Amino acid sequence: MFIIMIVYVLCIVVVLFVSLVITLVIWKRVRRRKQTNDGADSPTINRSIEQSKCLTFQQYDCKDLDENSIDAIWELFRDNFVEEYDDIDHFVKYLCEPDKNRKILIFYDITPERNIQGFTLLRLVERVINGTKYRFIINEYFFLTTPFRGQSTPLKSLLWFCIQIKLSDPWTPLYYFFVTYSFKSYLSFSRSVGDFHPSRNQPTPLLEAS
């Protein structure tokens, strides 16, 4: 039984790794083609621009965020989402709801100041449906500033987070809920996964629809 579990976990890791590699290869080809079209005569300048737009990421428990990080995240949230929270105090209450245990992936640029250029807010929920335990990762909010869009870092960070959750309980089915605010983000996400709903290619199964 232990050997079967190890094989199962390894298979999951291999599939996720292969998906990540394929995504990175496609992204690099698209990026290379775009660089060629935009300015093939200035490769040094292009490389410098691309390097300045690189991102790193780090995961935190929302309740552990420092004041400066909360201020920066609130400014991005306030300026780019509908007015769901009146002020920063209400936003902090949302972040730190004790029974939600929210996580946040913060995306930093690579300047010495490590400015925050985006974030994604995640919540892990467990439910028992018809006697079967399920786990759900709910992506409540995602934002990335315009100059840093089109990179693989957000996708890599989400894959990394999902692998962590899956390996912590490999026998439990895991679903990922992506709350999208536009058709562009829906299309971007759907192109990165194999099985998703709603989809025009197939009806939504009863479990997923519920």
Protein backbone atom coordinates (compact mmCIF):
# COMPACT_ATOMS: atom_id res chain seq x y z
CA MET A 1 0.00 0.00 0.00
CA PHE A 2 2.82 2.37 0.86
CA ILE A 3 4.55 1.66 -2.47
CA ILE A 4 1.31 2.29 -4.36
CA MET A 5 0.91 5.63 -2.60
CA ILE A 6 4.47 6.64 -3.49
CA VAL A 7 3.92 5.70 -7.15
CA TYR A 8 0.65 7.65 -7.17
CA VAL A 9 2.30 10.76 -5.75
CA LEU A 10 5.22 10.49 -8.17
CA CYS A 11 2.81 10.22 -11.10
CA ILE A 12 1.05 13.40 -9.98
CA VAL A 13 4.36 15.25 -9.62
CA VAL A 14 5.53 14.06 -13.06
CA VAL A 15 2.28 15.13 -14.75
CA LEU A 16 2.41 18.57 -13.12
CA PHE A 17 6.10 18.96 -13.98
CA VAL A 18 5.52 18.01 -17.63
CA SER A 19 2.61 20.47 -17.82
CA LEU A 20 4.82 23.19 -16.41
CA VAL A 21 7.63 22.44 -18.87
CA ILE A 22 5.24 22.49 -21.84
CA THR A 23 3.76 25.79 -20.66
CA LEU A 24 7.21 27.34 -20.26
CA VAL A 25 8.31 26.17 -23.72
CA ILE A 26 5.20 27.65 -25.35
CA TRP A 27 5.59 30.89 -23.41
CA LYS A 28 9.25 31.26 -24.38
CA ARG A 29 8.44 30.70 -28.07
CA VAL A 30 5.67 33.29 -28.00
CA ARG A 31 7.91 35.74 -26.13
CA ARG A 32 10.79 35.19 -28.55
CA ARG A 33 8.50 35.74 -31.53
CA LYS A 34 7.16 38.94 -29.97
CA GLN A 35 10.68 40.23 -29.30
CA THR A 36 11.63 39.54 -32.91
CA ASN A 37 8.62 41.44 -34.22
CA ASP A 38 8.98 44.37 -31.82
CA GLY A 39 12.68 45.05 -32.25
CA ALA A 40 15.03 42.49 -33.70
CA ASP A 41 17.66 45.16 -34.28
CA SER A 42 18.15 45.89 -30.56
CA PRO A 43 18.57 42.59 -28.68
CA THR A 44 20.60 44.14 -25.85
CA ILE A 45 17.89 46.67 -25.08
CA ASN A 46 15.21 43.99 -25.30
CA ARG A 47 17.08 41.74 -22.87
CA SER A 48 17.47 44.63 -20.44
CA ILE A 49 13.76 45.41 -20.62
CA GLU A 50 12.79 41.77 -20.12
CA GLN A 51 15.10 41.40 -17.13
CA SER A 52 13.59 44.49 -15.50
CA LYS A 53 10.16 42.87 -15.84
CA CYS A 54 11.08 39.61 -14.13
CA LEU A 55 9.07 38.52 -11.12
CA THR A 56 9.64 36.48 -7.99
CA PHE A 57 6.95 35.23 -5.66
CA GLN A 58 6.52 34.32 -2.02
CA GLN A 59 3.70 32.68 -0.06
CA TYR A 60 2.33 34.06 3.21
CA ASP A 61 -0.49 33.46 5.62
CA CYS A 62 -2.61 36.60 5.32
CA LYS A 63 -2.64 37.06 9.08
CA ASP A 64 1.19 37.27 9.04
CA LEU A 65 1.49 40.12 6.52
CA ASP A 66 3.37 43.19 7.68
CA GLU A 67 1.87 46.66 7.52
CA ASN A 68 3.84 47.80 4.45
CA SER A 69 2.76 44.76 2.45
CA ILE A 70 -0.89 45.24 3.43
CA ASP A 71 -0.74 48.89 2.37
CA ALA A 72 0.73 48.01 -1.04
CA ILE A 73 -1.76 45.19 -1.63
CA TRP A 74 -4.68 47.39 -0.58
CA GLU A 75 -3.63 50.10 -3.05
CA LEU A 76 -3.59 47.56 -5.90
CA PHE A 77 -6.91 46.09 -4.79
CA ARG A 78 -8.62 49.47 -4.32
CA ASP A 79 -7.51 50.76 -7.73
CA ASN A 80 -8.36 47.66 -9.76
CA PHE A 81 -11.43 45.97 -8.26
CA VAL A 82 -14.99 47.08 -7.65
CA GLU A 83 -15.64 48.77 -4.31
CA GLU A 84 -16.22 45.64 -2.23
CA TYR A 85 -14.52 47.08 0.85
CA ASP A 86 -15.00 50.62 2.11
CA ASP A 87 -11.50 51.10 3.44
CA ILE A 88 -8.31 49.31 4.40
CA ASP A 89 -9.70 48.28 7.80
CA HIS A 90 -12.54 46.32 6.19
CA PHE A 91 -10.06 44.82 3.71
CA VAL A 92 -7.81 43.66 6.56
CA LYS A 93 -10.81 42.05 8.29
CA TYR A 94 -11.48 40.12 5.09
CA LEU A 95 -7.84 39.02 4.82
CA CYS A 96 -7.63 37.87 8.42
CA GLU A 97 -11.00 36.17 8.96
CA PRO A 98 -10.02 33.55 11.57
CA ASP A 99 -12.03 30.66 10.10
CA LYS A 100 -10.86 31.17 6.50
CA ASN A 101 -7.08 30.70 6.85
CA ARG A 102 -6.38 32.61 3.65
CA LYS A 103 -3.04 32.38 1.88
CA ILE A 104 -1.55 34.96 -0.44
CA LEU A 105 1.05 34.64 -3.20
CA ILE A 106 2.78 38.00 -3.65
CA PHE A 107 4.61 38.83 -6.87
CA TYR A 108 7.66 41.09 -6.53
CA ASP A 109 9.79 42.72 -9.20
CA ILE A 110 13.55 42.15 -9.02
CA THR A 111 14.53 45.73 -8.26
CA PRO A 112 16.41 46.33 -4.99
CA GLU A 113 13.16 47.71 -3.53
CA ARG A 114 11.24 44.49 -4.37
CA ASN A 115 8.08 46.37 -5.25
CA ILE A 116 4.84 44.41 -5.13
CA GLN A 117 3.48 44.05 -8.66
CA GLY A 118 0.61 41.68 -8.00
CA PHE A 119 -0.93 39.04 -5.80
CA THR A 120 -3.34 36.13 -5.73
CA LEU A 121 -5.54 35.33 -2.71
CA LEU A 122 -6.26 31.66 -2.04
CA ARG A 123 -8.42 29.68 0.37
CA LEU A 124 -8.46 25.92 1.01
CA VAL A 125 -11.86 24.38 1.75
CA GLU A 126 -12.68 20.77 2.64
CA ARG A 127 -16.13 19.25 2.08
CA VAL A 128 -17.69 15.79 2.33
CA ILE A 129 -20.10 15.13 -0.56
CA ASN A 130 -22.06 11.88 -0.70
CA GLY A 131 -19.63 10.34 1.76
CA THR A 132 -16.50 11.34 -0.19
CA LYS A 133 -14.04 13.95 1.03
CA TYR A 134 -13.00 16.67 -1.42
CA ARG A 135 -10.59 19.58 -1.18
CA PHE A 136 -11.07 22.85 -3.03
CA ILE A 137 -8.55 25.61 -3.66
CA ILE A 138 -10.53 28.80 -4.20
CA ASN A 139 -8.72 31.57 -6.03
CA GLU A 140 -10.68 34.58 -4.75
CA TYR A 141 -8.69 37.42 -6.30
CA PHE A 142 -5.82 37.70 -8.75
CA PHE A 143 -4.12 40.84 -10.02
CA LEU A 144 -0.91 41.69 -11.85
CA THR A 145 0.18 45.13 -13.04
CA THR A 146 0.08 45.60 -16.80
CA PRO A 147 3.86 45.70 -17.54
CA PHE A 148 4.32 42.31 -15.85
CA ARG A 149 1.51 40.39 -17.51
CA GLY A 150 2.18 37.51 -19.86
CA GLN A 151 4.83 35.90 -17.65
CA SER A 152 5.01 32.35 -16.37
CA THR A 153 5.73 33.26 -12.73
CA PRO A 154 2.05 33.43 -11.61
CA LEU A 155 1.31 30.07 -13.23
CA LYS A 156 4.41 28.50 -11.70
CA SER A 157 3.48 29.84 -8.28
CA LEU A 158 -0.02 28.39 -8.54
CA LEU A 159 1.30 25.01 -9.68
CA TRP A 160 3.74 25.05 -6.78
CA PHE A 161 0.92 25.85 -4.34
CA CYS A 162 -1.35 23.12 -5.79
CA ILE A 163 1.44 20.52 -5.59
CA GLN A 164 1.96 21.39 -1.91
CA ILE A 165 -1.74 20.89 -1.18
CA LYS A 166 -2.01 17.68 -3.18
CA LEU A 167 1.05 16.09 -1.59
CA SER A 168 -0.27 16.91 1.88
CA ASP A 169 -3.27 14.64 1.22
CA PRO A 170 -2.67 12.74 -2.05
CA TRP A 171 -5.70 10.43 -1.80
CA THR A 172 -8.27 13.23 -1.61
CA PRO A 173 -9.63 14.66 -4.92
CA LEU A 174 -8.51 18.25 -5.38
CA TYR A 175 -10.38 20.92 -7.33
CA TYR A 176 -9.29 24.44 -8.21
CA PHE A 177 -11.87 27.22 -8.37
CA PHE A 178 -10.76 30.25 -10.33
CA VAL A 179 -12.94 33.33 -9.81
CA THR A 180 -12.61 35.26 -13.05
CA TYR A 181 -13.61 38.86 -13.65
CA SER A 182 -13.17 38.92 -17.43
CA PHE A 183 -13.23 36.63 -20.45
CA LYS A 184 -9.49 37.20 -20.95
CA SER A 185 -8.55 35.68 -17.61
CA TYR A 186 -10.97 32.81 -18.26
CA LEU A 187 -9.36 32.09 -21.63
CA SER A 188 -5.83 32.37 -20.19
CA PHE A 189 -6.61 29.92 -17.41
CA SER A 190 -8.52 27.45 -19.60
CA ARG A 191 -5.57 27.22 -21.99
CA SER A 192 -3.30 26.20 -19.12
CA VAL A 193 -5.31 23.21 -17.86
CA GLY A 194 -6.65 20.07 -19.47
CA ASP A 195 -9.98 19.57 -17.71
CA PHE A 196 -12.07 22.59 -16.76
CA HIS A 197 -15.68 23.71 -16.42
CA PRO A 198 -17.70 25.45 -17.70
CA SER A 199 -16.51 24.48 -21.16
CA ARG A 200 -18.22 24.68 -24.54
CA ASN A 201 -16.69 21.32 -25.46
CA GLN A 202 -18.60 19.26 -22.90
CA PRO A 203 -21.44 19.61 -20.40
CA THR A 204 -20.54 20.30 -16.78
CA PRO A 205 -20.75 17.10 -14.69
CA LEU A 206 -23.24 17.00 -11.82
CA LEU A 207 -20.58 17.19 -9.09
CA GLU A 208 -18.82 20.16 -10.63
CA ALA A 209 -22.12 21.90 -11.34
CA SER A 210 -23.19 21.57 -7.72
